[in-house]
């Protein structure tokens, strides 16, 4: 299974950040080889004040 560099990640951000601004970078590695070592990132969908989390932030699947 992938192992994250940190046990827990958190970030504080200023109100009204520009679209596309970097908020947080996460990193994980997988000890497997080849395609099985590839790590892809995604958010678990949740809601913030009734709106989908994905309407506030996005994740670069390849880089975290």
PDB file of N, CA and C in Angstrom:
ATOM      1  N   UNK A   1       0.838  -1.194   0.000  1.00  0.00           N
ATOM      2  CA  UNK A   1       0.000   0.000   0.000  1.00  0.00           C
ATOM      3  C   UNK A   1       0.877   1.250   0.000  1.00  0.00           C
ATOM      4  N   UNK A   2       0.413   2.326  -0.599  1.00  0.00           N
ATOM      5  CA  UNK A   2       1.180   3.577  -0.572  1.00  0.00           C
ATOM      6  C   UNK A   2       1.393   4.071   0.858  1.00  0.00           C
ATOM      7  N   UNK A   3       2.514   4.737   1.067  1.00  0.00           N
ATOM      8  CA  UNK A   3       2.853   5.308   2.365  1.00  0.00           C
ATOM      9  C   UNK A   3       3.038   6.810   2.167  1.00  0.00           C
ATOM     10  N   UNK A   4       2.301   7.595   2.924  1.00  0.00           N
ATOM     11  CA  UNK A   4       2.401   9.045   2.827  1.00  0.00           C
ATOM     12  C   UNK A   4       3.591   9.543   3.629  1.00  0.00           C
ATOM     13  N   UNK A   5       4.207  10.630   3.158  1.00  0.00           N
ATOM     14  CA  UNK A   5       5.361  11.221   3.828  1.00  0.00           C
ATOM     15  C   UNK A   5       4.980  11.749   5.210  1.00  0.00           C
ATOM     16  N   UNK A   6       3.757  12.223   5.368  1.00  0.00           N
ATOM     17  CA  UNK A   6       3.256  12.724   6.651  1.00  0.00           C
ATOM     18  C   UNK A   6       2.035  11.900   7.062  1.00  0.00           C
ATOM     19  N   UNK A   7       1.857  11.721   8.363  1.00  0.00           N
ATOM     20  CA  UNK A   7       0.689  10.992   8.844  1.00  0.00           C
ATOM     21  C   UNK A   7      -0.588  11.783   8.605  1.00  0.00           C
ATOM     22  N   UNK A   8      -0.507  13.101   8.759  1.00  0.00           N
ATOM     23  CA  UNK A   8      -1.673  13.972   8.594  1.00  0.00           C
ATOM     24  C   UNK A   8      -1.218  15.263   7.921  1.00  0.00           C
ATOM     25  N   UNK A   9      -2.058  15.759   7.037  1.00  0.00           N
ATOM     26  CA  UNK A   9      -1.769  17.017   6.350  1.00  0.00           C
ATOM     27  C   UNK A   9      -2.858  18.021   6.707  1.00  0.00           C
ATOM     28  N   UNK A  10      -2.472  19.273   6.851  1.00  0.00           N
ATOM     29  CA  UNK A  10      -3.455  20.330   7.039  1.00  0.00           C
ATOM     30  C   UNK A  10      -2.883  21.610   6.440  1.00  0.00           C
ATOM     31  N   UNK A  11      -3.756  22.518   6.113  1.00  0.00           N
ATOM     32  CA  UNK A  11      -3.321  23.785   5.523  1.00  0.00           C
ATOM     33  C   UNK A  11      -4.268  24.889   5.955  1.00  0.00           C
ATOM     34  N   UNK A  12      -3.740  26.067   6.094  1.00  0.00           N
ATOM     35  CA  UNK A  12      -4.541  27.269   6.323  1.00  0.00           C
ATOM     36  C   UNK A  12      -4.347  28.129   5.096  1.00  0.00           C
ATOM     37  N   UNK A  13      -5.414  28.719   4.632  1.00  0.00           N
ATOM     38  CA  UNK A  13      -5.277  29.557   3.461  1.00  0.00           C
ATOM     39  C   UNK A  13      -6.006  30.859   3.626  1.00  0.00           C
ATOM     40  N   UNK A  14      -5.488  31.836   2.915  1.00  0.00           N
ATOM     41  CA  UNK A  14      -6.100  33.158   2.943  1.00  0.00           C
ATOM     42  C   UNK A  14      -7.422  33.109   2.190  1.00  0.00           C
ATOM     43  N   UNK A  15      -8.339  33.950   2.609  1.00  0.00           N
ATOM     44  CA  UNK A  15      -9.620  34.035   1.928  1.00  0.00           C
ATOM     45  C   UNK A  15      -9.406  34.590   0.521  1.00  0.00           C
ATOM     46  N   UNK A  16     -10.196  34.115  -0.430  1.00  0.00           N
ATOM     47  CA  UNK A  16     -10.181  34.616  -1.804  1.00  0.00           C
ATOM     48  C   UNK A  16      -8.863  34.387  -2.531  1.00  0.00           C
ATOM     49  N   UNK A  17      -8.287  33.200  -2.389  1.00  0.00           N
ATOM     50  CA  UNK A  17      -7.104  32.849  -3.178  1.00  0.00           C
ATOM     51  C   UNK A  17      -7.443  32.873  -4.659  1.00  0.00           C
ATOM     52  N   UNK A  18      -6.447  33.108  -5.474  1.00  0.00           N
ATOM     53  CA  UNK A  18      -6.637  33.070  -6.927  1.00  0.00           C
ATOM     54  C   UNK A  18      -6.919  31.642  -7.369  1.00  0.00           C
ATOM     55  N   UNK A  19      -7.743  31.498  -8.393  1.00  0.00           N
ATOM     56  CA  UNK A  19      -8.016  30.166  -8.947  1.00  0.00           C
ATOM     57  C   UNK A  19      -6.700  29.538  -9.382  1.00  0.00           C
ATOM     58  N   UNK A  20      -6.514  28.274  -9.037  1.00  0.00           N
ATOM     59  CA  UNK A  20      -5.302  27.566  -9.411  1.00  0.00           C
ATOM     60  C   UNK A  20      -4.147  27.718  -8.442  1.00  0.00           C
ATOM     61  N   UNK A  21      -4.330  28.465  -7.364  1.00  0.00           N
ATOM     62  CA  UNK A  21      -3.260  28.671  -6.382  1.00  0.00           C
ATOM     63  C   UNK A  21      -2.964  27.362  -5.656  1.00  0.00           C
ATOM     64  N   UNK A  22      -1.686  27.107  -5.409  1.00  0.00           N
ATOM     65  CA  UNK A  22      -1.281  25.925  -4.663  1.00  0.00           C
ATOM     66  C   UNK A  22      -1.678  26.101  -3.205  1.00  0.00           C
ATOM     67  N   UNK A  23      -2.371  25.115  -2.669  1.00  0.00           N
ATOM     68  CA  UNK A  23      -2.816  25.157  -1.279  1.00  0.00           C
ATOM     69  C   UNK A  23      -1.970  24.222  -0.425  1.00  0.00           C
ATOM     70  N   UNK A  24      -1.736  23.023  -0.923  1.00  0.00           N
ATOM     71  CA  UNK A  24      -1.039  22.008  -0.149  1.00  0.00           C
ATOM     72  C   UNK A  24      -0.488  20.968  -1.103  1.00  0.00           C
ATOM     73  N   UNK A  25       0.678  20.440  -0.798  1.00  0.00           N
ATOM     74  CA  UNK A  25       1.243  19.358  -1.593  1.00  0.00           C
ATOM     75  C   UNK A  25       1.413  18.148  -0.690  1.00  0.00           C
ATOM     76  N   UNK A  26       0.946  17.002  -1.142  1.00  0.00           N
ATOM     77  CA  UNK A  26       1.115  15.756  -0.397  1.00  0.00           C
ATOM     78  C   UNK A  26       2.040  14.844  -1.193  1.00  0.00           C
ATOM     79  N   UNK A  27       2.646  13.885  -0.504  1.00  0.00           N
ATOM     80  CA  UNK A  27       3.560  12.975  -1.176  1.00  0.00           C
ATOM     81  C   UNK A  27       3.393  11.581  -0.588  1.00  0.00           C
ATOM     82  N   UNK A  28       3.301  10.610  -1.486  1.00  0.00           N
ATOM     83  CA  UNK A  28       3.228   9.207  -1.075  1.00  0.00           C
ATOM     84  C   UNK A  28       4.120   8.384  -1.997  1.00  0.00           C
ATOM     85  N   UNK A  29       4.622   7.288  -1.479  1.00  0.00           N
ATOM     86  CA  UNK A  29       5.419   6.364  -2.282  1.00  0.00           C
ATOM     87  C   UNK A  29       4.860   4.961  -2.113  1.00  0.00           C
ATOM     88  N   UNK A  30       5.154   4.121  -3.079  1.00  0.00           N
ATOM     89  CA  UNK A  30       4.719   2.729  -3.034  1.00  0.00           C
ATOM     90  C   UNK A  30       5.930   1.861  -3.341  1.00  0.00           C
ATOM     91  N   UNK A  31       6.205   0.875  -2.514  1.00  0.00           N
ATOM     92  CA  UNK A  31       7.399   0.051  -2.648  1.00  0.00           C
ATOM     93  C   UNK A  31       7.309  -0.964  -3.790  1.00  0.00           C
ATOM     94  N   UNK A  32       6.149  -1.098  -4.430  1.00  0.00           N
ATOM     95  CA  UNK A  32       6.025  -2.022  -5.557  1.00  0.00           C
ATOM     96  C   UNK A  32       6.889  -1.552  -6.721  1.00  0.00           C
ATOM     97  N   UNK A  33       6.904  -2.351  -7.797  1.00  0.00           N
ATOM     98  CA  UNK A  33       7.677  -2.010  -8.988  1.00  0.00           C
ATOM     99  C   UNK A  33       6.747  -1.709 -10.158  1.00  0.00           C
ATOM    100  N   UNK A  34       7.253  -0.959 -11.107  1.00  0.00           N
ATOM    101  CA  UNK A  34       6.524  -0.700 -12.341  1.00  0.00           C
ATOM    102  C   UNK A  34       5.196  -0.004 -12.103  1.00  0.00           C
ATOM    103  N   UNK A  35       4.175  -0.416 -12.869  1.00  0.00           N
ATOM    104  CA  UNK A  35       2.843   0.193 -12.764  1.00  0.00           C
ATOM    105  C   UNK A  35       2.262   0.082 -11.362  1.00  0.00           C
ATOM    106  N   UNK A  36       2.588  -0.980 -10.645  1.00  0.00           N
ATOM    107  CA  UNK A  36       2.050  -1.157  -9.290  1.00  0.00           C
ATOM    108  C   UNK A  36       2.622  -0.155  -8.292  1.00  0.00           C
ATOM    109  N   UNK A  37       3.726   0.510  -8.649  1.00  0.00           N
ATOM    110  CA  UNK A  37       4.318   1.509  -7.767  1.00  0.00           C
ATOM    111  C   UNK A  37       3.742   2.901  -8.028  1.00  0.00           C
ATOM    112  N   UNK A  38       2.939   3.019  -9.053  1.00  0.00           N
ATOM    113  CA  UNK A  38       2.381   4.316  -9.432  1.00  0.00           C
ATOM    114  C   UNK A  38       1.334   4.757  -8.414  1.00  0.00           C
ATOM    115  N   UNK A  39       1.445   5.995  -7.967  1.00  0.00           N
ATOM    116  CA  UNK A  39       0.499   6.556  -7.002  1.00  0.00           C
ATOM    117  C   UNK A  39      -0.313   7.635  -7.709  1.00  0.00           C
ATOM    118  N   UNK A  40      -1.624   7.572  -7.579  1.00  0.00           N
ATOM    119  CA  UNK A  40      -2.520   8.604  -8.111  1.00  0.00           C
ATOM    120  C   UNK A  40      -3.314   9.163  -6.942  1.00  0.00           C
ATOM    121  N   UNK A  41      -3.573  10.449  -6.988  1.00  0.00           N
ATOM    122  CA  UNK A  41      -4.232  11.139  -5.888  1.00  0.00           C
ATOM    123  C   UNK A  41      -5.632  11.577  -6.302  1.00  0.00           C
ATOM    124  N   UNK A  42      -6.544  11.593  -5.330  1.00  0.00           N
ATOM    125  CA  UNK A  42      -7.880  12.125  -5.556  1.00  0.00           C
ATOM    126  C   UNK A  42      -8.479  12.511  -4.214  1.00  0.00           C
ATOM    127  N   UNK A  43      -9.468  13.384  -4.262  1.00  0.00           N
ATOM    128  CA  UNK A  43     -10.192  13.780  -3.061  1.00  0.00           C
ATOM    129  C   UNK A  43     -11.387  12.869  -2.860  1.00  0.00           C
ATOM    130  N   UNK A  44     -11.669  12.536  -1.635  1.00  0.00           N
ATOM    131  CA  UNK A  44     -12.937  11.900  -1.323  1.00  0.00           C
ATOM    132  C   UNK A  44     -13.974  13.011  -1.334  1.00  0.00           C
ATOM    133  N   UNK A  45     -15.037  12.802  -2.062  1.00  0.00           N
ATOM    134  CA  UNK A  45     -16.039  13.874  -2.187  1.00  0.00           C
ATOM    135  C   UNK A  45     -16.728  14.115  -0.858  1.00  0.00           C
ATOM    136  N   UNK A  46     -16.778  15.355  -0.495  1.00  0.00           N
ATOM    137  CA  UNK A  46     -17.456  15.786   0.714  1.00  0.00           C
ATOM    138  C   UNK A  46     -18.227  17.055   0.396  1.00  0.00           C
ATOM    139  N   UNK A  47     -18.750  17.669   1.404  1.00  0.00           N
ATOM    140  CA  UNK A  47     -19.507  18.904   1.195  1.00  0.00           C
ATOM    141  C   UNK A  47     -18.998  19.976   2.146  1.00  0.00           C
ATOM    142  N   UNK A  48     -18.993  21.202   1.674  1.00  0.00           N
ATOM    143  CA  UNK A  48     -18.613  22.370   2.460  1.00  0.00           C
ATOM    144  C   UNK A  48     -19.753  23.372   2.351  1.00  0.00           C
ATOM    145  N   UNK A  49     -20.394  23.637   3.464  1.00  0.00           N
ATOM    146  CA  UNK A  49     -21.544  24.551   3.471  1.00  0.00           C
ATOM    147  C   UNK A  49     -22.571  24.173   2.406  1.00  0.00           C
ATOM    148  N   UNK A  50     -22.768  22.883   2.242  1.00  0.00           N
ATOM    149  CA  UNK A  50     -23.777  22.386   1.311  1.00  0.00           C
ATOM    150  C   UNK A  50     -23.317  22.224  -0.121  1.00  0.00           C
ATOM    151  N   UNK A  51     -22.133  22.716  -0.468  1.00  0.00           N
ATOM    152  CA  UNK A  51     -21.619  22.603  -1.834  1.00  0.00           C
ATOM    153  C   UNK A  51     -20.580  21.491  -1.908  1.00  0.00           C
ATOM    154  N   UNK A  52     -20.443  20.851  -3.062  1.00  0.00           N
ATOM    155  CA  UNK A  52     -19.433  19.796  -3.204  1.00  0.00           C
ATOM    156  C   UNK A  52     -18.023  20.341  -2.956  1.00  0.00           C
ATOM    157  N   UNK A  53     -17.201  19.576  -2.268  1.00  0.00           N
ATOM    158  CA  UNK A  53     -15.818  19.952  -2.005  1.00  0.00           C
ATOM    159  C   UNK A  53     -15.091  20.281  -3.307  1.00  0.00           C
ATOM    160  N   UNK A  54     -15.397  19.544  -4.355  1.00  0.00           N
ATOM    161  CA  UNK A  54     -14.730  19.748  -5.645  1.00  0.00           C
ATOM    162  C   UNK A  54     -15.036  21.108  -6.268  1.00  0.00           C
ATOM    163  N   UNK A  55     -16.024  21.834  -5.750  1.00  0.00           N
ATOM    164  CA  UNK A  55     -16.286  23.179  -6.269  1.00  0.00           C
ATOM    165  C   UNK A  55     -15.332  24.198  -5.618  1.00  0.00           C
ATOM    166  N   UNK A  56     -14.587  23.764  -4.597  1.00  0.00           N
ATOM    167  CA  UNK A  56     -13.637  24.635  -3.917  1.00  0.00           C
ATOM    168  C   UNK A  56     -12.190  24.317  -4.256  1.00  0.00           C
ATOM    169  N   UNK A  57     -11.848  23.030  -4.328  1.00  0.00           N
ATOM    170  CA  UNK A  57     -10.464  22.609  -4.555  1.00  0.00           C
ATOM    171  C   UNK A  57     -10.414  21.449  -5.551  1.00  0.00           C
ATOM    172  N   UNK A  58      -9.240  21.264  -6.132  1.00  0.00           N
ATOM    173  CA  UNK A  58      -9.002  20.127  -7.012  1.00  0.00           C
ATOM    174  C   UNK A  58      -7.629  19.562  -6.708  1.00  0.00           C
ATOM    175  N   UNK A  59      -7.379  18.361  -7.194  1.00  0.00           N
ATOM    176  CA  UNK A  59      -6.118  17.670  -6.958  1.00  0.00           C
ATOM    177  C   UNK A  59      -5.514  17.281  -8.296  1.00  0.00           C
ATOM    178  N   UNK A  60      -4.208  17.491  -8.434  1.00  0.00           N
ATOM    179  CA  UNK A  60      -3.503  16.983  -9.603  1.00  0.00           C
ATOM    180  C   UNK A  60      -3.237  15.499  -9.337  1.00  0.00           C
ATOM    181  N   UNK A  61      -3.905  14.653 -10.079  1.00  0.00           N
ATOM    182  CA  UNK A  61      -3.882  13.211  -9.820  1.00  0.00           C
ATOM    183  C   UNK A  61      -2.487  12.604  -9.875  1.00  0.00           C
ATOM    184  N   UNK A  62      -1.640  13.111 -10.730  1.00  0.00           N
ATOM    185  CA  UNK A  62      -0.298  12.529 -10.896  1.00  0.00           C
ATOM    186  C   UNK A  62       0.716  13.024  -9.878  1.00  0.00           C
ATOM    187  N   UNK A  63       0.542  14.249  -9.385  1.00  0.00           N
ATOM    188  CA  UNK A  63       1.570  14.856  -8.544  1.00  0.00           C
ATOM    189  C   UNK A  63       1.159  15.099  -7.102  1.00  0.00           C
ATOM    190  N   UNK A  64      -0.124  14.994  -6.805  1.00  0.00           N
ATOM    191  CA  UNK A  64      -0.604  15.267  -5.452  1.00  0.00           C
ATOM    192  C   UNK A  64      -0.648  16.733  -5.163  1.00  0.00           C
TER     193      UNK A  64
END
